[in-house]
Amino acid sequence: MSSAIPFQKKAEVEIRDLQISTYKIPTSQPESDGTYQWDHTTVVLVELTAGGCTGWGLTYGSKSIAELIQGKFKKEILEKDVFDIPRLWTDLNRSVRNIGRPGIASMAISAIDFALWDLKAKLLNLPLHRLLGAHRDAVPIYGSGGFTSYSLTDLENQLQGWVEQGIPRVKMKIGREPDQDPIRVKRARQAIGGNAELFVDANGAYDPKQALILANRFSEENVTWFEEPVSSDDLTGLHFIRNHCPPSIEIAAGEYGFDSEYFLRMIHQNAVDVIQIDATRCRGITGFLKVLAIAEAAHIPVSGHCAPSMHVALGCHSSQIRHLEYFYDHARIEQMLFEGVLKPQQGTLKPDSSAPGFGLILKKKEVEKFAA
C-alpha cells in the first residue's frame, strides 16, 4: 500500500492591497546620449500585500504609468490569488486591448508583475533566483554610462574606474557628434587598456551607411558591440549593418521591445547578433521569460537591459543570458532607494540566497524627499 501523504490544496492567498508611489530622482549631472537628454529619472513603484507579506516591483518612465495602474489595473488585481500569476498577467494584458498595450501599459504591467513574483517568493520564503530555478550562482555584468554629455576626462575616469573594480567590459554613448565619436572611442580604449571589452551605443542616432562607416572606424579600437546603430524600429537597417560591418562587431538592440511579437520579427529579419530584453518594459518577469524562450529557440544570446536588481535572478536563471547592463543611473538609484542592493564582485552580480524575493528593502524615510 502507498504511504504517500494525501495532497491538500493550499488555500488561495488573496491580494489585499495595492499601493503606488512615484519618485523623481535627479541625475548627478545633466546626461545625454545620441538622441536624448535628461536631468532626472522617474521611478514608479508598486507594492502588493497578501498573506501578511508585501512584494514590490518597479519600472522607469513617467508618472502617467502610476495613473494607469491606479485607474485601470488596481481593480484587476485586488482580491485575486497571488499564486495565479499567469492568469493575472493575461487579464492585465487583455484589459488594455482597446487603449494600446505597447508603451506605458506594458511598463505598468511590468511593475505589477515584478511585485507579484516578489510577493510569491516571500510567501514561500525563497530568494527569487531559487524560485525561478538557477543555472548559475552569479551573472556577468558590463559597466554602462559614458554619456555624450561627459567631458573626455569624465568619460575616461568612469570607464577606467569600472575596469579597475574588476568589470572586464564597459559601454559608452555615441552619436550626438558623429565627427567626434572616433576620437572619443579611441580615448576610451586608451583609458581601459587592451584587455577590457569596449561597447558603444548610438541609441539610433545614425543612418545605416553612416553607421557602417563608423563601425569600420570603431573596429580599429577593438570595439566588439555596436548597440542601436540605427533605430531599433528599423529592422531592415539593422539587418544591413549586421551583414556588412566587421565580423568582430556584434549588433545589439531590443531594449524598446514591449512584447514577444516584436522580438520574433527581429529574429525573423536577422536584425541583430544579441537581443536586449528589458523586464521593466516587456511586461515583467513573465514577459521576459516568454521572450527568452523565443531567443533560446533561435539560438540567439540575450543581454538584460538596465535595472540590474530587476534582472539578477533572471540572469542566473538561463545560460542564454550572456550578461546584464550595470547602468550607472539605475545602479545609483537602486542604492538610493533600497537596502540590500548587490555590489559587483569580480565583474558579476551574485544574488543573496539568505533574503526572500528580490532581497531589497525600501528606504521609506530616505526616499520621501524624492516623492513626485
Protein backbone atom coordinates (compact mmCIF):
# COMPACT_ATOMS: atom_id res chain seq x y z
CA MET A 1 0.00 0.00 0.00
CA SER A 2 1.15 3.56 -0.68
CA SER A 3 2.31 5.60 2.31
CA ALA A 4 2.23 8.94 0.46
CA ILE A 5 0.64 11.82 2.32
CA PRO A 6 -2.66 12.83 0.69
CA PHE A 7 -2.39 16.05 -1.31
CA GLN A 8 -4.10 19.03 0.28
CA LYS A 9 -4.92 22.08 -1.82
CA LYS A 10 -3.41 25.25 -0.42
CA ALA A 11 -5.94 27.95 0.29
CA GLU A 12 -5.90 30.96 -2.00
CA VAL A 13 -3.78 33.90 -0.89
CA GLU A 14 -5.75 36.98 -1.90
CA ILE A 15 -4.12 40.27 -2.74
CA ARG A 16 -5.45 42.69 -0.13
CA ASP A 17 -3.81 45.97 -1.11
CA LEU A 18 -2.00 47.71 -3.93
CA GLN A 19 -0.05 50.90 -3.28
CA ILE A 20 1.67 53.06 -5.88
CA SER A 21 4.40 55.65 -5.34
CA THR A 22 6.37 57.75 -7.79
CA TYR A 23 9.84 59.16 -7.29
CA LYS A 24 11.72 61.74 -9.35
CA ILE A 25 15.48 61.22 -8.92
CA PRO A 26 17.82 63.97 -10.22
CA THR A 27 20.89 62.81 -12.14
CA SER A 28 24.29 63.56 -10.65
CA GLN A 29 24.82 65.90 -13.63
CA PRO A 30 22.97 66.55 -16.91
CA GLU A 31 23.19 63.49 -19.17
CA SER A 32 22.66 62.75 -22.84
CA ASP A 33 23.11 60.06 -25.45
CA GLY A 34 22.90 60.16 -29.23
CA THR A 35 19.22 61.16 -29.39
CA TYR A 36 18.02 62.24 -25.95
CA GLN A 37 18.92 64.48 -22.98
CA TRP A 38 17.72 64.21 -19.37
CA ASP A 39 18.34 65.54 -15.87
CA HIS A 40 16.21 63.14 -13.82
CA THR A 41 14.73 59.65 -13.81
CA THR A 42 11.14 58.87 -12.77
CA VAL A 43 10.59 55.61 -10.89
CA VAL A 44 7.12 54.11 -10.40
CA LEU A 45 6.96 51.64 -7.50
CA VAL A 46 4.16 49.14 -6.87
CA GLU A 47 3.62 47.39 -3.52
CA LEU A 48 1.26 44.41 -3.21
CA THR A 49 0.15 42.94 0.11
CA ALA A 50 -1.14 39.39 0.66
CA GLY A 51 -0.81 36.74 3.36
CA GLY A 52 0.98 39.12 5.71
CA CYS A 53 3.75 39.83 3.19
CA THR A 54 4.46 42.74 0.86
CA GLY A 55 6.01 42.39 -2.57
CA TRP A 56 7.24 45.26 -4.68
CA GLY A 57 8.06 45.98 -8.29
CA LEU A 58 9.09 48.99 -10.32
CA THR A 59 9.52 50.48 -13.74
CA TYR A 60 11.19 53.60 -15.09
CA GLY A 61 9.24 56.05 -17.20
CA SER A 62 6.50 58.55 -16.49
CA LYS A 63 4.08 59.48 -13.74
CA SER A 64 1.31 58.52 -16.16
CA ILE A 65 2.23 54.88 -15.52
CA ALA A 66 1.13 55.30 -11.89
CA GLU A 67 -2.13 56.88 -13.01
CA LEU A 68 -2.81 53.94 -15.33
CA ILE A 69 -2.15 51.42 -12.55
CA GLN A 70 -4.44 53.26 -10.17
CA GLY A 71 -7.26 53.80 -12.64
CA LYS A 72 -7.11 50.62 -14.71
CA PHE A 73 -5.15 47.81 -13.13
CA LYS A 74 -5.86 48.03 -9.41
CA LYS A 75 -9.33 46.58 -9.79
CA GLU A 76 -7.91 43.72 -11.89
CA ILE A 77 -5.54 42.71 -9.10
CA LEU A 78 -7.29 43.14 -5.75
CA GLU A 79 -8.83 40.03 -4.16
CA LYS A 80 -7.12 37.76 -6.73
CA ASP A 81 -4.86 34.82 -5.83
CA VAL A 82 -1.23 35.92 -5.89
CA PHE A 83 -0.09 32.45 -6.97
CA ASP A 84 -2.06 32.69 -10.24
CA ILE A 85 0.49 34.94 -11.95
CA PRO A 86 -0.14 33.62 -15.50
CA ARG A 87 -3.87 34.28 -15.16
CA LEU A 88 -3.36 37.75 -13.68
CA TRP A 89 -0.78 38.64 -16.33
CA THR A 90 -3.17 37.62 -19.10
CA ASP A 91 -6.03 39.56 -17.53
CA LEU A 92 -3.90 42.71 -17.28
CA ASN A 93 -2.92 42.45 -20.94
CA ARG A 94 -6.49 41.91 -22.09
CA SER A 95 -7.71 44.87 -20.06
CA VAL A 96 -5.67 47.34 -22.17
CA ARG A 97 -6.58 45.92 -25.57
CA ASN A 98 -8.57 49.00 -26.57
CA ILE A 99 -6.23 51.64 -25.17
CA GLY A 100 -2.96 50.28 -26.53
CA ARG A 101 -0.69 47.76 -24.84
CA PRO A 102 2.85 48.70 -26.03
CA GLY A 103 4.41 51.63 -24.20
CA ILE A 104 3.26 52.79 -20.79
CA ALA A 105 0.68 50.00 -20.44
CA SER A 106 3.39 47.35 -20.82
CA MET A 107 5.63 49.23 -18.38
CA ALA A 108 2.78 49.37 -15.85
CA ILE A 109 2.21 45.63 -16.24
CA SER A 110 5.95 45.15 -15.71
CA ALA A 111 5.87 46.86 -12.31
CA ILE A 112 2.87 44.79 -11.18
CA ASP A 113 4.36 41.54 -12.46
CA PHE A 114 7.60 42.18 -10.56
CA ALA A 115 5.56 42.75 -7.40
CA LEU A 116 3.63 39.52 -7.95
CA TRP A 117 6.80 37.47 -8.29
CA ASP A 118 8.45 39.16 -5.32
CA LEU A 119 5.35 38.56 -3.20
CA LYS A 120 5.09 34.92 -4.26
CA ALA A 121 8.75 34.34 -3.39
CA LYS A 122 8.32 35.96 0.01
CA LEU A 123 5.23 33.89 0.80
CA LEU A 124 7.28 30.80 0.01
CA ASN A 125 10.32 32.23 1.85
CA LEU A 126 12.52 31.78 -1.20
CA PRO A 127 15.02 34.07 -2.96
CA LEU A 128 13.67 34.88 -6.39
CA HIS A 129 16.50 33.13 -8.22
CA ARG A 130 15.70 29.93 -6.32
CA LEU A 131 12.00 30.25 -7.13
CA LEU A 132 12.80 30.65 -10.84
CA GLY A 133 15.49 27.97 -10.70
CA ALA A 134 19.15 28.83 -11.11
CA HIS A 135 21.55 27.82 -13.87
CA ARG A 136 24.45 29.64 -12.18
CA ASP A 137 25.27 31.39 -8.93
CA ALA A 138 26.27 34.77 -10.41
CA VAL A 139 25.72 36.63 -13.67
CA PRO A 140 28.33 38.69 -15.59
CA ILE A 141 27.76 42.44 -15.96
CA TYR A 142 29.13 45.30 -18.03
CA GLY A 143 29.57 48.86 -16.79
CA SER A 144 27.37 51.25 -18.75
CA GLY A 145 27.41 55.04 -18.92
CA GLY A 146 29.94 57.17 -20.76
CA PHE A 147 27.29 59.73 -21.68
CA THR A 148 27.82 62.08 -24.62
CA SER A 149 27.50 64.99 -22.19
CA TYR A 150 30.65 63.85 -20.37
CA SER A 151 33.96 65.53 -20.95
CA LEU A 152 36.72 63.27 -22.22
CA THR A 153 38.19 63.24 -18.72
CA ASP A 154 34.87 62.19 -17.13
CA LEU A 155 34.43 59.54 -19.79
CA GLU A 156 37.88 58.11 -19.21
CA ASN A 157 37.58 58.15 -15.42
CA GLN A 158 34.21 56.38 -15.36
CA LEU A 159 35.14 53.60 -17.76
CA GLN A 160 38.57 53.12 -16.23
CA GLY A 161 37.01 53.01 -12.76
CA TRP A 162 34.77 50.08 -13.70
CA VAL A 163 37.68 48.14 -15.16
CA GLU A 164 39.71 48.76 -12.01
CA GLN A 165 36.76 47.38 -9.99
CA GLY A 166 37.08 44.12 -11.91
CA ILE A 167 34.34 44.66 -14.52
CA PRO A 168 36.00 43.45 -17.75
CA ARG A 169 33.57 45.09 -20.20
CA VAL A 170 32.27 48.68 -20.44
CA LYS A 171 29.91 50.66 -22.66
CA MET A 172 29.87 54.31 -23.75
CA LYS A 173 27.33 56.51 -25.54
CA ILE A 174 27.99 57.87 -29.02
CA GLY A 175 26.01 59.55 -31.79
CA ARG A 176 25.47 63.16 -30.68
CA GLU A 177 28.53 64.44 -32.57
CA PRO A 178 29.41 61.74 -35.10
CA ASP A 179 32.59 63.51 -36.23
CA GLN A 180 33.92 63.32 -32.67
CA ASP A 181 32.91 59.73 -31.98
CA PRO A 182 36.10 58.08 -33.32
CA ILE A 183 38.17 60.34 -31.08
CA ARG A 184 36.04 59.59 -28.00
CA VAL A 185 36.19 55.86 -28.71
CA LYS A 186 39.97 56.00 -29.13
CA ARG A 187 40.35 57.82 -25.79
CA ALA A 188 38.08 55.32 -24.11
CA ARG A 189 40.20 52.44 -25.40
CA GLN A 190 43.36 54.09 -24.13
CA ALA A 191 41.77 54.57 -20.71
CA ILE A 192 40.63 50.97 -20.23
CA GLY A 193 43.61 49.25 -21.79
CA GLY A 194 43.74 46.47 -24.32
CA ASN A 195 42.21 43.63 -22.31
CA ALA A 196 38.78 45.04 -21.41
CA GLU A 197 35.91 44.79 -23.89
CA LEU A 198 34.61 48.10 -25.26
CA PHE A 199 30.94 48.52 -26.27
CA VAL A 200 29.34 51.53 -27.99
CA ASP A 201 25.68 52.60 -28.04
CA ALA A 202 24.33 55.12 -30.58
CA ASN A 203 20.69 55.00 -29.40
CA GLY A 204 19.56 55.09 -33.02
CA ALA A 205 21.44 58.27 -33.92
CA TYR A 206 22.92 57.19 -37.29
CA ASP A 207 21.60 56.24 -40.69
CA PRO A 208 22.67 52.80 -41.99
CA LYS A 209 25.58 53.85 -44.22
CA GLN A 210 26.89 56.34 -41.66
CA ALA A 211 26.77 53.60 -39.02
CA LEU A 212 28.64 51.22 -41.29
CA ILE A 213 31.42 53.73 -41.95
CA LEU A 214 31.82 54.34 -38.22
CA ALA A 215 31.68 50.62 -37.42
CA ASN A 216 34.81 50.18 -39.52
CA ARG A 217 36.49 53.02 -37.62
CA PHE A 218 35.45 51.57 -34.26
CA SER A 219 36.83 48.15 -35.18
CA GLU A 220 40.29 49.73 -35.22
CA GLU A 221 39.87 50.22 -31.44
CA ASN A 222 38.63 46.64 -30.99
CA VAL A 223 35.02 47.62 -30.29
CA THR A 224 33.06 44.36 -30.09
CA TRP A 225 29.46 45.59 -29.53
CA PHE A 226 27.53 48.21 -31.50
CA GLU A 227 24.14 48.90 -29.94
CA GLU A 228 21.30 50.53 -31.84
CA PRO A 229 23.43 51.95 -34.65
CA VAL A 230 20.05 52.89 -36.17
CA SER A 231 16.60 52.99 -34.61
CA SER A 232 15.56 49.68 -33.08
CA ASP A 233 12.38 50.00 -35.17
CA ASP A 234 14.47 49.93 -38.37
CA LEU A 235 14.92 46.17 -38.61
CA THR A 236 15.92 46.45 -42.27
CA GLY A 237 18.65 48.92 -41.38
CA LEU A 238 19.90 46.75 -38.51
CA HIS A 239 19.98 43.75 -40.85
CA PHE A 240 22.02 45.74 -43.41
CA ILE A 241 24.58 46.85 -40.83
CA ARG A 242 24.83 43.40 -39.25
CA ASN A 243 25.56 41.84 -42.65
CA HIS A 244 28.18 44.39 -43.69
CA CYS A 245 30.01 45.53 -40.56
CA PRO A 246 33.32 43.93 -39.46
CA PRO A 247 32.61 40.39 -38.20
CA SER A 248 34.34 41.18 -34.90
CA ILE A 249 31.49 43.61 -34.00
CA GLU A 250 28.14 42.32 -32.76
CA ILE A 251 24.97 44.32 -33.44
CA ALA A 252 22.62 44.56 -30.45
CA ALA A 253 19.13 46.01 -29.95
CA GLY A 254 15.80 45.25 -28.33
CA GLU A 255 15.58 47.46 -25.25
CA TYR A 256 12.39 49.07 -26.58
CA GLY A 257 10.66 45.77 -27.25
CA PHE A 258 7.38 45.61 -25.33
CA ASP A 259 6.16 42.17 -26.43
CA SER A 260 7.19 38.79 -27.83
CA GLU A 261 5.92 39.67 -31.29
CA TYR A 262 8.47 42.49 -31.67
CA PHE A 263 11.36 40.17 -30.83
CA LEU A 264 10.02 37.49 -33.14
CA ARG A 265 10.05 39.99 -36.02
CA MET A 266 13.60 40.99 -35.05
CA ILE A 267 14.73 37.38 -35.18
CA HIS A 268 12.97 36.62 -38.47
CA GLN A 269 14.68 39.64 -40.04
CA ASN A 270 18.14 38.54 -38.82
CA ALA A 271 18.50 42.05 -37.47
CA VAL A 272 20.84 41.50 -34.50
CA ASP A 273 23.51 39.24 -33.08
CA VAL A 274 22.39 39.81 -29.48
CA ILE A 275 18.89 40.56 -28.21
CA GLN A 276 18.48 43.02 -25.35
CA ILE A 277 15.45 42.40 -23.14
CA ASP A 278 14.25 44.89 -20.53
CA ALA A 279 11.91 43.38 -17.94
CA THR A 280 10.81 46.87 -16.83
CA ARG A 281 9.31 47.35 -20.32
CA CYS A 282 8.42 43.91 -21.69
CA ARG A 283 5.77 43.17 -19.04
CA GLY A 284 7.94 41.98 -16.19
CA ILE A 285 9.45 38.62 -15.35
CA THR A 286 6.59 36.78 -17.04
CA GLY A 287 7.07 38.72 -20.27
CA PHE A 288 10.85 38.37 -20.09
CA LEU A 289 10.59 34.59 -19.80
CA LYS A 290 8.35 34.45 -22.88
CA VAL A 291 10.88 36.44 -24.95
CA LEU A 292 13.72 34.36 -23.52
CA ALA A 293 12.06 31.19 -24.79
CA ILE A 294 11.94 32.65 -28.31
CA ALA A 295 15.63 33.62 -28.15
CA GLU A 296 16.59 30.17 -26.89
CA ALA A 297 14.70 28.50 -29.73
CA ALA A 298 16.52 30.75 -32.23
CA HIS A 299 19.94 30.22 -30.53
CA ILE A 300 20.43 33.97 -30.12
CA PRO A 301 22.21 35.24 -26.98
CA VAL A 302 20.42 37.64 -24.65
CA SER A 303 21.57 40.61 -22.58
CA GLY A 304 19.47 42.09 -19.79
CA HIS A 305 18.93 45.83 -20.28
CA CYS A 306 19.45 48.25 -17.34
CA ALA A 307 17.76 47.92 -13.90
CA PRO A 308 20.36 45.44 -12.62
CA SER A 309 18.48 44.48 -9.44
CA MET A 310 15.42 43.57 -11.51
CA HIS A 311 17.40 41.24 -13.76
CA VAL A 312 19.81 39.41 -11.45
CA ALA A 313 17.52 36.43 -10.76
CA LEU A 314 16.69 36.17 -14.46
CA GLY A 315 20.38 36.37 -15.34
CA CYS A 316 21.13 33.45 -13.05
CA HIS A 317 18.16 31.50 -14.39
CA SER A 318 19.27 30.99 -18.00
CA SER A 319 22.51 30.17 -19.80
CA GLN A 320 21.12 32.07 -22.80
CA ILE A 321 21.68 35.34 -20.93
CA ARG A 322 25.23 36.47 -21.60
CA HIS A 323 25.34 39.42 -19.22
CA LEU A 324 23.41 42.28 -17.62
CA GLU A 325 23.81 46.02 -18.07
CA TYR A 326 25.12 47.66 -14.91
CA PHE A 327 23.73 51.06 -15.93
CA TYR A 328 25.16 53.98 -13.98
CA ASP A 329 21.85 55.81 -13.45
CA HIS A 330 19.88 52.76 -12.35
CA ALA A 331 22.62 51.31 -10.14
CA ARG A 332 22.84 54.70 -8.41
CA ILE A 333 19.06 54.95 -7.99
CA GLU A 334 18.74 51.43 -6.62
CA GLN A 335 21.32 52.24 -3.95
CA MET A 336 19.40 55.40 -3.06
CA LEU A 337 16.03 53.64 -2.82
CA PHE A 338 16.84 50.28 -1.26
CA GLU A 339 18.81 48.43 1.34
CA GLY A 340 20.36 45.15 0.24
CA VAL A 341 21.44 46.29 -3.24
CA LEU A 342 24.05 43.93 -4.67
CA LYS A 343 27.57 45.18 -5.35
CA PRO A 344 29.68 43.94 -8.25
CA GLN A 345 32.01 41.06 -7.41
CA GLN A 346 34.74 40.28 -9.95
CA GLY A 347 32.60 41.50 -12.82
CA THR A 348 29.42 39.74 -11.69
CA LEU A 349 26.35 40.21 -9.53
CA LYS A 350 25.59 37.38 -7.13
CA PRO A 351 22.09 37.18 -5.59
CA ASP A 352 21.68 36.93 -1.83
CA SER A 353 20.50 33.41 -1.05
CA SER A 354 19.51 34.39 2.50
CA ALA A 355 16.88 37.00 1.53
CA PRO A 356 13.46 36.16 0.06
CA GLY A 357 12.21 37.74 -3.17
CA PHE A 358 14.44 40.41 -4.63
CA GLY A 359 16.13 40.75 -1.25
CA LEU A 360 15.63 44.51 -1.15
CA ILE A 361 14.04 46.76 1.46
CA LEU A 362 12.70 50.21 0.53
CA LYS A 363 14.27 53.11 2.44
CA LYS A 364 10.90 54.76 3.04
CA LYS A 365 12.07 57.73 5.09
CA GLU A 366 15.10 58.47 2.93
CA VAL A 367 13.15 58.46 -0.33
CA GLU A 368 10.30 60.71 0.80
CA LYS A 369 12.19 63.75 -0.45
CA PHE A 370 12.05 62.33 -4.00
CA ALA A 371 8.31 61.69 -3.99
CA ALA A 372 6.64 63.07 -7.10
